[in-house]
Amino acid sequence: MRILALLLSTLSLTACLNSTTLVKVKPDGSGTVEQTTLVNMASAKGLMGAQSQGNAPTGPMMSKEELERTAASMGEGVRLVSSEPIKGDAGWEGVKATFSFDDINKIQVSEGPSMGGGTGSKTRSSEPTSSDPVRFTLTRSGGTSTLSINFIDPTIVDKPTGGSRQPSEMPDLTNPMIMNMIKSMFNGFKVNIALEVAGTIVKTNADYVSGPRITLLEMDVASLLADEAKLKALQGKLGPGMSLSEVKPYLKDIKGIKIDGPSITVEFR
């Protein structure tokens, strides 16, 4: 069961979050990022109220100024186009924002729920880094555009240290009481990050393709936690020091999670 906690930790998840991000790209490399982020306000107020003595959130979690800072952190030429507060079912509230960019080669995004995870640094390495974990590279030849998406490939199954097989701070996810508590905490938690090309996909090595759309990351924690037997079977297949790309083949039969990468190429026109 340690894989579940490691995945949650790797993706920097927040229990009361529901996030959808769609990157739309045109053949010339320009496009938009559509980001919808919902928070379970009742859960957020409970969590933050307990820690902040009355300073719990009372309205939309991101102001226009904060969204403009998010745009700036995404990279050169990214602009906030529009934003609106939205409400979902059962107390979920948040913001839907649309950002535009001129050149996908220059934008910085995060693998986690918020796309505003870039550092905004003008100096970038040639490969993805922990502070700039997703790298887009678009080239054109004739009437075909080729987009490469490269991720960092983190180790998500740590090698044991000091003779210990599992860190003492890890919760015992085989304990039914703890598992029920986690299920309650993550009830409604969903994350979806996808790419959509303006045109027709000619060729791609992506695992999850539907028309012009490619799913990069999808997680529904309620579905993920529902089949404890499969999670336990998965645990038995993992070895120390395994990277995300090595673990990924074992995730295909696990309901509630889709992870692609660390290197995806899509040709479209």
C-alpha atoms as a PDB file:
ATOM      1  CA  MET A   1       0.000   0.000   0.000  1.00  0.00           C
ATOM      2  CA  ARG A   2       2.994   2.305   0.236  1.00  0.00           C
ATOM      3  CA  ILE A   3       2.722   3.026  -3.489  1.00  0.00           C
ATOM      4  CA  LEU A   4      -0.501   4.967  -2.891  1.00  0.00           C
ATOM      5  CA  ALA A   5       1.065   7.284  -0.349  1.00  0.00           C
ATOM      6  CA  LEU A   6       4.133   7.729  -2.538  1.00  0.00           C
ATOM      7  CA  LEU A   7       2.018   8.630  -5.553  1.00  0.00           C
ATOM      8  CA  LEU A   8       0.077  11.154  -3.527  1.00  0.00           C
ATOM      9  CA  SER A   9       3.292  12.613  -2.180  1.00  0.00           C
ATOM     10  CA  THR A  10       4.954  12.698  -5.608  1.00  0.00           C
ATOM     11  CA  LEU A  11       2.040  14.572  -7.134  1.00  0.00           C
ATOM     12  CA  SER A  12       1.793  17.018  -4.222  1.00  0.00           C
ATOM     13  CA  LEU A  13      -1.910  16.409  -3.828  1.00  0.00           C
ATOM     14  CA  THR A  14      -4.307  18.276  -1.569  1.00  0.00           C
ATOM     15  CA  ALA A  15      -7.143  16.248  -0.090  1.00  0.00           C
ATOM     16  CA  CYS A  16      -9.977  18.689  -0.802  1.00  0.00           C
ATOM     17  CA  LEU A  17      -9.072  19.506  -4.421  1.00  0.00           C
ATOM     18  CA  ASN A  18     -10.756  18.861  -7.762  1.00  0.00           C
ATOM     19  CA  SER A  19      -8.688  20.162 -10.673  1.00  0.00           C
ATOM     20  CA  THR A  20      -8.956  19.999 -14.455  1.00  0.00           C
ATOM     21  CA  THR A  21      -6.310  21.486 -16.739  1.00  0.00           C
ATOM     22  CA  LEU A  22      -6.474  21.439 -20.522  1.00  0.00           C
ATOM     23  CA  VAL A  23      -3.582  22.713 -22.648  1.00  0.00           C
ATOM     24  CA  LYS A  24      -4.763  23.517 -26.178  1.00  0.00           C
ATOM     25  CA  VAL A  25      -2.062  24.005 -28.795  1.00  0.00           C
ATOM     26  CA  LYS A  26      -2.245  25.173 -32.407  1.00  0.00           C
ATOM     27  CA  PRO A  27       0.124  24.043 -35.181  1.00  0.00           C
ATOM     28  CA  ASP A  28       2.129  27.296 -34.843  1.00  0.00           C
ATOM     29  CA  GLY A  29       2.777  26.630 -31.126  1.00  0.00           C
ATOM     30  CA  SER A  30       0.375  29.200 -29.710  1.00  0.00           C
ATOM     31  CA  GLY A  31      -2.602  28.205 -27.599  1.00  0.00           C
ATOM     32  CA  THR A  32      -4.411  28.359 -24.287  1.00  0.00           C
ATOM     33  CA  VAL A  33      -4.453  26.740 -20.872  1.00  0.00           C
ATOM     34  CA  GLU A  34      -7.924  26.196 -19.438  1.00  0.00           C
ATOM     35  CA  GLN A  35      -7.775  25.534 -15.725  1.00  0.00           C
ATOM     36  CA  THR A  36     -10.688  24.732 -13.427  1.00  0.00           C
ATOM     37  CA  THR A  37      -9.882  24.332  -9.750  1.00  0.00           C
ATOM     38  CA  LEU A  38     -12.521  23.463  -7.171  1.00  0.00           C
ATOM     39  CA  VAL A  39     -12.070  23.180  -3.422  1.00  0.00           C
ATOM     40  CA  ASN A  40     -14.373  21.428  -0.999  1.00  0.00           C
ATOM     41  CA  MET A  41     -14.993  24.529   1.108  1.00  0.00           C
ATOM     42  CA  ALA A  42     -16.382  22.635   4.087  1.00  0.00           C
ATOM     43  CA  SER A  43     -13.267  20.448   4.268  1.00  0.00           C
ATOM     44  CA  ALA A  44     -10.948  23.400   3.625  1.00  0.00           C
ATOM     45  CA  LYS A  45     -12.569  25.461   6.346  1.00  0.00           C
ATOM     46  CA  GLY A  46     -12.265  22.567   8.751  1.00  0.00           C
ATOM     47  CA  LEU A  47      -8.614  21.934   7.957  1.00  0.00           C
ATOM     48  CA  MET A  48      -7.521  25.574   7.844  1.00  0.00           C
ATOM     49  CA  GLY A  49      -9.773  26.667  10.681  1.00  0.00           C
ATOM     50  CA  ALA A  50      -8.160  24.165  12.990  1.00  0.00           C
ATOM     51  CA  GLN A  51      -4.721  25.520  12.081  1.00  0.00           C
ATOM     52  CA  SER A  52      -5.405  29.226  11.698  1.00  0.00           C
ATOM     53  CA  GLN A  53      -7.855  29.976  14.510  1.00  0.00           C
ATOM     54  CA  GLY A  54     -10.629  31.557  12.453  1.00  0.00           C
ATOM     55  CA  ASN A  55      -8.751  32.514   9.278  1.00  0.00           C
ATOM     56  CA  ALA A  56     -10.412  29.819   7.173  1.00  0.00           C
ATOM     57  CA  PRO A  57     -11.318  30.594   3.541  1.00  0.00           C
ATOM     58  CA  THR A  58     -14.707  32.207   2.939  1.00  0.00           C
ATOM     59  CA  GLY A  59     -14.791  32.761  -0.853  1.00  0.00           C
ATOM     60  CA  PRO A  60     -13.109  32.027  -4.190  1.00  0.00           C
ATOM     61  CA  MET A  61      -9.585  30.852  -3.474  1.00  0.00           C
ATOM     62  CA  MET A  62      -7.784  32.828  -6.199  1.00  0.00           C
ATOM     63  CA  SER A  63      -8.135  36.533  -6.929  1.00  0.00           C
ATOM     64  CA  LYS A  64      -7.430  38.149 -10.297  1.00  0.00           C
ATOM     65  CA  GLU A  65      -4.058  39.346  -8.979  1.00  0.00           C
ATOM     66  CA  GLU A  66      -3.137  35.811  -7.929  1.00  0.00           C
ATOM     67  CA  LEU A  67      -4.166  34.440 -11.316  1.00  0.00           C
ATOM     68  CA  GLU A  68      -2.058  37.085 -13.066  1.00  0.00           C
ATOM     69  CA  ARG A  69       0.908  35.992 -10.944  1.00  0.00           C
ATOM     70  CA  THR A  70       0.149  32.412 -11.964  1.00  0.00           C
ATOM     71  CA  ALA A  71       0.248  33.500 -15.616  1.00  0.00           C
ATOM     72  CA  ALA A  72       3.607  35.201 -15.068  1.00  0.00           C
ATOM     73  CA  SER A  73       5.003  32.054 -13.406  1.00  0.00           C
ATOM     74  CA  MET A  74       3.976  29.936 -16.398  1.00  0.00           C
ATOM     75  CA  GLY A  75       6.554  31.597 -18.593  1.00  0.00           C
ATOM     76  CA  GLU A  76       7.222  34.243 -21.189  1.00  0.00           C
ATOM     77  CA  GLY A  77       4.191  35.526 -23.082  1.00  0.00           C
ATOM     78  CA  VAL A  78       1.534  33.847 -20.903  1.00  0.00           C
ATOM     79  CA  ARG A  79      -1.469  36.089 -20.183  1.00  0.00           C
ATOM     80  CA  LEU A  80      -4.650  35.773 -18.155  1.00  0.00           C
ATOM     81  CA  VAL A  81      -7.571  35.956 -20.605  1.00  0.00           C
ATOM     82  CA  SER A  82     -10.555  35.418 -18.334  1.00  0.00           C
ATOM     83  CA  SER A  83     -11.665  34.032 -14.981  1.00  0.00           C
ATOM     84  CA  GLU A  84     -14.950  33.341 -13.279  1.00  0.00           C
ATOM     85  CA  PRO A  85     -16.017  31.887  -9.936  1.00  0.00           C
ATOM     86  CA  ILE A  86     -17.834  28.573 -10.217  1.00  0.00           C
ATOM     87  CA  LYS A  87     -19.716  26.269  -7.881  1.00  0.00           C
ATOM     88  CA  GLY A  88     -20.019  22.520  -8.059  1.00  0.00           C
ATOM     89  CA  ASP A  89     -22.089  20.065  -6.084  1.00  0.00           C
ATOM     90  CA  ALA A  90     -21.861  19.383  -2.355  1.00  0.00           C
ATOM     91  CA  GLY A  91     -20.016  22.551  -1.368  1.00  0.00           C
ATOM     92  CA  TRP A  92     -17.299  22.555  -4.029  1.00  0.00           C
ATOM     93  CA  GLU A  93     -16.309  26.083  -5.089  1.00  0.00           C
ATOM     94  CA  GLY A  94     -13.516  27.558  -7.113  1.00  0.00           C
ATOM     95  CA  VAL A  95     -12.336  29.359 -10.204  1.00  0.00           C
ATOM     96  CA  LYS A  96     -12.253  28.657 -13.930  1.00  0.00           C
ATOM     97  CA  ALA A  97      -9.429  30.553 -15.635  1.00  0.00           C
ATOM     98  CA  THR A  98      -8.172  30.714 -19.212  1.00  0.00           C
ATOM     99  CA  PHE A  99      -4.594  31.713 -20.035  1.00  0.00           C
ATOM    100  CA  SER A 100      -3.124  32.275 -23.496  1.00  0.00           C
ATOM    101  CA  PHE A 101       0.447  31.755 -24.699  1.00  0.00           C
ATOM    102  CA  ASP A 102       2.335  32.601 -27.877  1.00  0.00           C
ATOM    103  CA  ASP A 103       4.901  29.799 -27.867  1.00  0.00           C
ATOM    104  CA  ILE A 104       4.446  26.476 -26.082  1.00  0.00           C
ATOM    105  CA  ASN A 105       8.240  26.037 -26.096  1.00  0.00           C
ATOM    106  CA  LYS A 106       8.479  28.828 -23.508  1.00  0.00           C
ATOM    107  CA  ILE A 107       5.805  27.814 -21.019  1.00  0.00           C
ATOM    108  CA  GLN A 108       6.436  26.105 -17.684  1.00  0.00           C
ATOM    109  CA  VAL A 109       3.858  23.846 -16.098  1.00  0.00           C
ATOM    110  CA  SER A 110       3.612  21.446 -13.200  1.00  0.00           C
ATOM    111  CA  GLU A 111       2.727  17.750 -13.105  1.00  0.00           C
ATOM    112  CA  GLY A 112       0.622  18.503 -10.056  1.00  0.00           C
ATOM    113  CA  PRO A 113      -2.940  19.858  -9.877  1.00  0.00           C
ATOM    114  CA  SER A 114      -1.983  23.506 -10.388  1.00  0.00           C
ATOM    115  CA  MET A 115      -0.470  24.488 -13.709  1.00  0.00           C
ATOM    116  CA  GLY A 116       1.066  27.550 -12.117  1.00  0.00           C
ATOM    117  CA  GLY A 117       4.012  25.634 -10.753  1.00  0.00           C
ATOM    118  CA  GLY A 118       6.747  27.128 -12.910  1.00  0.00           C
ATOM    119  CA  THR A 119       9.479  29.301 -11.526  1.00  0.00           C
ATOM    120  CA  GLY A 120       9.266  31.887 -14.257  1.00  0.00           C
ATOM    121  CA  SER A 121      13.044  31.774 -14.626  1.00  0.00           C
ATOM    122  CA  LYS A 122      14.406  33.032 -17.972  1.00  0.00           C
ATOM    123  CA  THR A 123      17.324  30.594 -17.782  1.00  0.00           C
ATOM    124  CA  ARG A 124      16.181  27.033 -18.448  1.00  0.00           C
ATOM    125  CA  SER A 125      18.121  23.802 -18.668  1.00  0.00           C
ATOM    126  CA  SER A 126      17.789  21.586 -21.730  1.00  0.00           C
ATOM    127  CA  GLU A 127      16.075  18.865 -19.684  1.00  0.00           C
ATOM    128  CA  PRO A 128      13.148  18.917 -17.213  1.00  0.00           C
ATOM    129  CA  THR A 129      14.083  19.652 -13.595  1.00  0.00           C
ATOM    130  CA  SER A 130      12.270  19.432 -10.256  1.00  0.00           C
ATOM    131  CA  SER A 131      11.404  23.137 -10.478  1.00  0.00           C
ATOM    132  CA  ASP A 132      10.494  22.923 -14.184  1.00  0.00           C
ATOM    133  CA  PRO A 133       9.190  19.341 -14.446  1.00  0.00           C
ATOM    134  CA  VAL A 134       7.408  19.358 -17.823  1.00  0.00           C
ATOM    135  CA  ARG A 135       9.109  20.467 -21.032  1.00  0.00           C
ATOM    136  CA  PHE A 136       7.254  21.118 -24.306  1.00  0.00           C
ATOM    137  CA  THR A 137       9.186  21.250 -27.570  1.00  0.00           C
ATOM    138  CA  LEU A 138       7.343  21.993 -30.816  1.00  0.00           C
ATOM    139  CA  THR A 139       8.850  21.915 -34.289  1.00  0.00           C
ATOM    140  CA  ARG A 140       7.264  22.262 -37.723  1.00  0.00           C
ATOM    141  CA  SER A 141       8.071  20.574 -41.038  1.00  0.00           C
ATOM    142  CA  GLY A 142       5.898  21.259 -44.016  1.00  0.00           C
ATOM    143  CA  GLY A 143       2.300  21.031 -42.890  1.00  0.00           C
ATOM    144  CA  THR A 144       3.024  18.816 -39.856  1.00  0.00           C
ATOM    145  CA  SER A 145       3.750  19.973 -36.312  1.00  0.00           C
ATOM    146  CA  THR A 146       5.611  17.684 -33.902  1.00  0.00           C
ATOM    147  CA  LEU A 147       5.215  18.264 -30.172  1.00  0.00           C
ATOM    148  CA  SER A 148       7.456  16.492 -27.663  1.00  0.00           C
ATOM    149  CA  ILE A 149       6.435  16.418 -23.994  1.00  0.00           C
ATOM    150  CA  ASN A 150       9.141  15.360 -21.557  1.00  0.00           C
ATOM    151  CA  PHE A 151       8.702  14.877 -17.815  1.00  0.00           C
ATOM    152  CA  ILE A 152      11.139  14.283 -15.017  1.00  0.00           C
ATOM    153  CA  ASP A 153      11.159  10.573 -14.152  1.00  0.00           C
ATOM    154  CA  PRO A 154      11.192  10.586 -10.343  1.00  0.00           C
ATOM    155  CA  THR A 155      11.927   7.639  -8.100  1.00  0.00           C
ATOM    156  CA  ILE A 156       8.674   6.832  -6.341  1.00  0.00           C
ATOM    157  CA  VAL A 157       9.742   3.640  -4.570  1.00  0.00           C
ATOM    158  CA  ASP A 158      12.590   4.698  -2.307  1.00  0.00           C
ATOM    159  CA  LYS A 159      15.493   2.459  -1.523  1.00  0.00           C
ATOM    160  CA  PRO A 160      15.454   1.441   2.147  1.00  0.00           C
ATOM    161  CA  THR A 161      17.942   3.235   4.385  1.00  0.00           C
ATOM    162  CA  GLY A 162      19.383   2.188   7.704  1.00  0.00           C
ATOM    163  CA  GLY A 163      17.847  -1.262   7.449  1.00  0.00           C
ATOM    164  CA  SER A 164      14.319   0.124   7.597  1.00  0.00           C
ATOM    165  CA  ARG A 165      11.891  -1.047   4.921  1.00  0.00           C
ATOM    166  CA  GLN A 166       9.368   1.726   5.490  1.00  0.00           C
ATOM    167  CA  PRO A 167       9.741   5.216   6.962  1.00  0.00           C
ATOM    168  CA  SER A 168       8.257   5.476  10.428  1.00  0.00           C
ATOM    169  CA  GLU A 169       6.244   8.561   9.437  1.00  0.00           C
ATOM    170  CA  MET A 170       4.274   6.603   6.795  1.00  0.00           C
ATOM    171  CA  PRO A 171       0.704   5.790   7.847  1.00  0.00           C
ATOM    172  CA  ASP A 172      -0.243   2.131   8.087  1.00  0.00           C
ATOM    173  CA  LEU A 173      -2.550   1.900   5.091  1.00  0.00           C
ATOM    174  CA  THR A 174      -3.337  -1.752   5.867  1.00  0.00           C
ATOM    175  CA  ASN A 175      -5.147  -0.564   8.988  1.00  0.00           C
ATOM    176  CA  PRO A 176      -8.904  -0.412   8.125  1.00  0.00           C
ATOM    177  CA  MET A 177      -9.451   2.574  10.442  1.00  0.00           C
ATOM    178  CA  ILE A 178      -6.675   4.589   8.797  1.00  0.00           C
ATOM    179  CA  MET A 179      -7.828   3.544   5.324  1.00  0.00           C
ATOM    180  CA  ASN A 180     -11.392   4.686   6.056  1.00  0.00           C
ATOM    181  CA  MET A 181     -10.051   8.003   7.333  1.00  0.00           C
ATOM    182  CA  ILE A 182      -8.034   8.515   4.136  1.00  0.00           C
ATOM    183  CA  LYS A 183     -11.062   7.612   2.000  1.00  0.00           C
ATOM    184  CA  SER A 184     -13.074  10.240   3.841  1.00  0.00           C
ATOM    185  CA  MET A 185     -10.338  12.870   3.476  1.00  0.00           C
ATOM    186  CA  PHE A 186      -9.926  12.308  -0.258  1.00  0.00           C
ATOM    187  CA  ASN A 187     -13.612  11.926  -1.074  1.00  0.00           C
ATOM    188  CA  GLY A 188     -14.239  13.828  -4.317  1.00  0.00           C
ATOM    189  CA  PHE A 189     -10.561  14.364  -5.061  1.00  0.00           C
ATOM    190  CA  LYS A 190      -9.936  14.325  -8.821  1.00  0.00           C
ATOM    191  CA  VAL A 191      -7.140  15.628 -11.036  1.00  0.00           C
ATOM    192  CA  ASN A 192      -7.059  15.671 -14.814  1.00  0.00           C
ATOM    193  CA  ILE A 193      -4.339  17.191 -16.995  1.00  0.00           C
ATOM    194  CA  ALA A 194      -4.724  16.846 -20.747  1.00  0.00           C
ATOM    195  CA  LEU A 195      -3.389  18.172 -24.038  1.00  0.00           C
ATOM    196  CA  GLU A 196      -5.574  18.948 -27.045  1.00  0.00           C
ATOM    197  CA  VAL A 197      -4.179  19.725 -30.483  1.00  0.00           C
ATOM    198  CA  ALA A 198      -5.957  21.950 -32.997  1.00  0.00           C
ATOM    199  CA  GLY A 199      -6.051  19.539 -35.894  1.00  0.00           C
ATOM    200  CA  THR A 200      -5.753  15.811 -36.477  1.00  0.00           C
ATOM    201  CA  ILE A 201      -3.259  13.576 -34.708  1.00  0.00           C
ATOM    202  CA  VAL A 202      -1.205  11.775 -37.343  1.00  0.00           C
ATOM    203  CA  LYS A 203       1.079   9.779 -35.053  1.00  0.00           C
ATOM    204  CA  THR A 204       1.733   9.523 -31.309  1.00  0.00           C
ATOM    205  CA  ASN A 205       3.186   7.174 -28.712  1.00  0.00           C
ATOM    206  CA  ALA A 206       0.773   8.442 -26.025  1.00  0.00           C
ATOM    207  CA  ASP A 207      -1.121   5.789 -24.078  1.00  0.00           C
ATOM    208  CA  TYR A 208      -4.405   7.635 -23.597  1.00  0.00           C
ATOM    209  CA  VAL A 209      -5.735   9.244 -26.795  1.00  0.00           C
ATOM    210  CA  SER A 210      -9.295  10.277 -27.642  1.00  0.00           C
ATOM    211  CA  GLY A 211      -9.633  12.191 -30.906  1.00  0.00           C
ATOM    212  CA  PRO A 212      -7.385  15.275 -30.679  1.00  0.00           C
ATOM    213  CA  ARG A 213      -6.997  14.940 -26.883  1.00  0.00           C
ATOM    214  CA  ILE A 214      -4.242  13.183 -24.922  1.00  0.00           C
ATOM    215  CA  THR A 215      -4.566  12.515 -21.189  1.00  0.00           C
ATOM    216  CA  LEU A 216      -1.277  13.172 -19.394  1.00  0.00           C
ATOM    217  CA  LEU A 217      -2.500  12.592 -15.852  1.00  0.00           C
ATOM    218  CA  GLU A 218      -5.821  11.478 -14.432  1.00  0.00           C
ATOM    219  CA  MET A 219      -6.509  10.540 -10.838  1.00  0.00           C
ATOM    220  CA  ASP A 220      -9.760   9.765  -9.066  1.00  0.00           C
ATOM    221  CA  VAL A 221      -8.777   8.856  -5.525  1.00  0.00           C
ATOM    222  CA  ALA A 222     -12.164   7.370  -4.607  1.00  0.00           C
ATOM    223  CA  SER A 223     -11.831   4.864  -7.466  1.00  0.00           C
ATOM    224  CA  LEU A 224      -8.161   4.286  -6.679  1.00  0.00           C
ATOM    225  CA  LEU A 225      -8.888   3.415  -3.057  1.00  0.00           C
ATOM    226  CA  ALA A 226     -11.916   1.258  -3.853  1.00  0.00           C
ATOM    227  CA  ASP A 227      -9.973  -1.870  -4.865  1.00  0.00           C
ATOM    228  CA  GLU A 228      -7.651  -2.532  -1.952  1.00  0.00           C
ATOM    229  CA  ALA A 229      -6.843  -6.037  -3.217  1.00  0.00           C
ATOM    230  CA  LYS A 230      -5.296  -4.669  -6.423  1.00  0.00           C
ATOM    231  CA  LEU A 231      -3.334  -2.088  -4.477  1.00  0.00           C
ATOM    232  CA  LYS A 232      -1.926  -4.813  -2.248  1.00  0.00           C
ATOM    233  CA  ALA A 233      -1.060  -6.926  -5.310  1.00  0.00           C
ATOM    234  CA  LEU A 234       0.665  -3.902  -6.848  1.00  0.00           C
ATOM    235  CA  GLN A 235       2.734  -3.432  -3.716  1.00  0.00           C
ATOM    236  CA  GLY A 236       4.155  -6.931  -4.143  1.00  0.00           C
ATOM    237  CA  LYS A 237       5.411  -6.138  -7.657  1.00  0.00           C
ATOM    238  CA  LEU A 238       7.442  -3.096  -6.735  1.00  0.00           C
ATOM    239  CA  GLY A 239      11.118  -3.080  -5.964  1.00  0.00           C
ATOM    240  CA  PRO A 240      13.371  -0.506  -4.266  1.00  0.00           C
ATOM    241  CA  GLY A 241      14.584   2.408  -6.365  1.00  0.00           C
ATOM    242  CA  MET A 242      11.942   2.025  -9.082  1.00  0.00           C
ATOM    243  CA  SER A 243      11.197   5.126 -11.144  1.00  0.00           C
ATOM    244  CA  LEU A 244       7.786   6.269 -12.307  1.00  0.00           C
ATOM    245  CA  SER A 245       8.436   4.921 -15.834  1.00  0.00           C
ATOM    246  CA  GLU A 246       9.264   1.497 -14.344  1.00  0.00           C
ATOM    247  CA  VAL A 247       6.139   1.487 -12.168  1.00  0.00           C
ATOM    248  CA  LYS A 248       3.795   2.803 -14.889  1.00  0.00           C
ATOM    249  CA  PRO A 249       3.152  -0.554 -16.639  1.00  0.00           C
ATOM    250  CA  TYR A 250       1.761  -1.959 -13.381  1.00  0.00           C
ATOM    251  CA  LEU A 251      -0.714   0.923 -13.072  1.00  0.00           C
ATOM    252  CA  LYS A 252      -2.649   0.161 -16.251  1.00  0.00           C
ATOM    253  CA  ASP A 253      -4.940  -2.310 -14.480  1.00  0.00           C
ATOM    254  CA  ILE A 254      -5.518  -0.001 -11.520  1.00  0.00           C
ATOM    255  CA  LYS A 255      -8.802   1.852 -11.790  1.00  0.00           C
ATOM    256  CA  GLY A 256      -8.691   5.543 -10.941  1.00  0.00           C
ATOM    257  CA  ILE A 257      -5.213   6.438 -12.198  1.00  0.00           C
ATOM    258  CA  LYS A 258      -3.668   7.185 -15.592  1.00  0.00           C
ATOM    259  CA  ILE A 259      -0.102   8.471 -15.866  1.00  0.00           C
ATOM    260  CA  ASP A 260       1.684   8.925 -19.184  1.00  0.00           C
ATOM    261  CA  GLY A 261       5.285   9.817 -19.926  1.00  0.00           C
ATOM    262  CA  PRO A 262       8.082  10.407 -19.219  1.00  0.00           C
ATOM    263  CA  SER A 263       8.458  11.101 -22.965  1.00  0.00           C
ATOM    264  CA  ILE A 264       5.536  11.637 -25.345  1.00  0.00           C
ATOM    265  CA  THR A 265       5.600  12.688 -28.993  1.00  0.00           C
ATOM    266  CA  VAL A 266       2.611  13.733 -31.053  1.00  0.00           C
ATOM    267  CA  GLU A 267       2.537  14.669 -34.720  1.00  0.00           C
ATOM    268  CA  PHE A 268      -0.485  16.610 -35.914  1.00  0.00           C
ATOM    269  CA  ARG A 269      -1.671  18.731 -38.785  1.00  0.00           C
END
